[in-house]
């Protein structure tokens, strides 16, 4: 083994290890992105449900006001 290859080998190993970390990071980012998308979808469903409840409460209140005026 030449003196130059003694220095290149650890660098090559380090580069290979770092490139593996990059692939793992990309995979982790994809998983996190999917989780965030699911959170967004759940939040949208919750928002829709709350809006329906608010609309129903408003309609009931308007009905009660009309009934109170007719008495």
Foldseek 3Di string as FASTA:
>chain_A
DDPVVVVVVVVVVVVVVVVVVVVVVVVVVVVVVVVVVVVVVVVVVVVVVVVVVVVVVVVVVVVVVVVVVVD
